[in-house]
Amino acid sequence: MSSDTVGLTGYHHDDSMSTCEDPFATLGVHREASLDEIKRAYRRLAMFWHPDRNPEAVAGTEFKRVHAAYELLLDPQRLAEWQQAQATTPSTAGGTANGNAADDLTQVLTLSLEEAAQGCRKDIELVHSVHCDTCSGSGRVQHNHSVPCRRCNGCGRLARKGGGTNRCEGCNGRGYLRETVCPDCVGGWRMEQRILSVTVPPGLRDGERLRLPRQSPAKPAGEGHGAGDLYLKVSLAAHPLFVLDGRDLHCEVPVSVLRLLCGGCIEVPTLSGTASLDLPPAQGTLDQRLPGLGFPGKRGRGAGDLIVHLQGIQPQELGPQDIEFLEGLQARLATDLERHAPRLAAWERQLRTRRRQEQD
């Protein structure tokens, strides 16, 4: 496993990328590979990248690429059409039309609101291809002594349908081999885990992308195959306290109805900790805006606001003395409802009107 520290060159909103998929390079086989070699390469890669066996985030995408390459190589008509298209496609800045173009890769980077707001360092796990040390990248192993051919078990012949035998193509009928396929790789390449330590700048929002030049995981290919760019697409995880709207943060804060009546200082959460909020007595609105305490802007630009939605919480299981005290407060308010509670006063007037209508 290798570890590297990389820098970022920018952030993007565009997800469009064009790649020129070479099925031979994807499976790590040469262009004259036999059908058996193609099948063996596919089985090894499919087993490695299958999402049920590989927990990496890129496993599903790579498994689909391998399967698509395998299907293309098994279809002579489609393969001929692909080869013709490659022959007529002009070379581009990213590489040439013969399948050696560098491939870009997009991978999801999940961040908490705090990480995205303040910036952070994240370790990104990638799996790329390296030359196999066992066979020195040749894909074949030389043996000091001949070994039995696995296909024919050393007899040089294979049974055929309808009776009789055919010469084994694996050993050309010899039954024994001095050279076999390397058991540790596919076509001279093996998979190796790599960890990138990435510095994430503050202020990135959901859907924005970070570009890491030439950090896309290497894939089996020729020596001239350059590394593509790795794009990290930011995905903000759901937060237990905050909801992000643009750069404004919304937060619901439970408060005692008594505190709402009396006013005073309460503590509210922020992305960096907590802040104090002074409530006026008997305020009319339950929404409070704290400027500049929302999600920060990029490159030191102004932050959004923190919008606090106060949720009045009524007391429960009151004792006799508590009820007596509240009854006294209610009686005092009732002496001047127009001033203390205009909505209650208006309601009382409607009820009095209806009582008079009943009496008439």
Foldseek 3Di string as FASTA:
>chain_A
DAEAEFEFDDKALDPDDDDQADLCLLLQHDPPDDPVLLVVSLVVLLCDLPVVNDVAQCSVVSNVSNVVSSVCVVDVVSVVVSVVVLVPDAQDPQGGSPRLGADEEEDEDEDALLCQQAWDKDKHKDKAKDFDPQCRLQQKHFAPDKDFDPVVRQQQWAFDPPGDTDGDPVVRSRRIDRMDGDPQDRNRIHMDMYIYIYTGFHADDASMKTKTAQPAGYTRDDPSRGHGIYIYGYHYDDDPAWDQDPQETEGEDEDEVVCQQCWAWDWDAASVGIDIDTHHHNDDAQKDKAAQRTRQHPPRHTTGIYIYRYDHDYDPDDDPVRVVVVVVVVVVCVVCCVPVPVVVVVVVVVVVVVVVVVVD
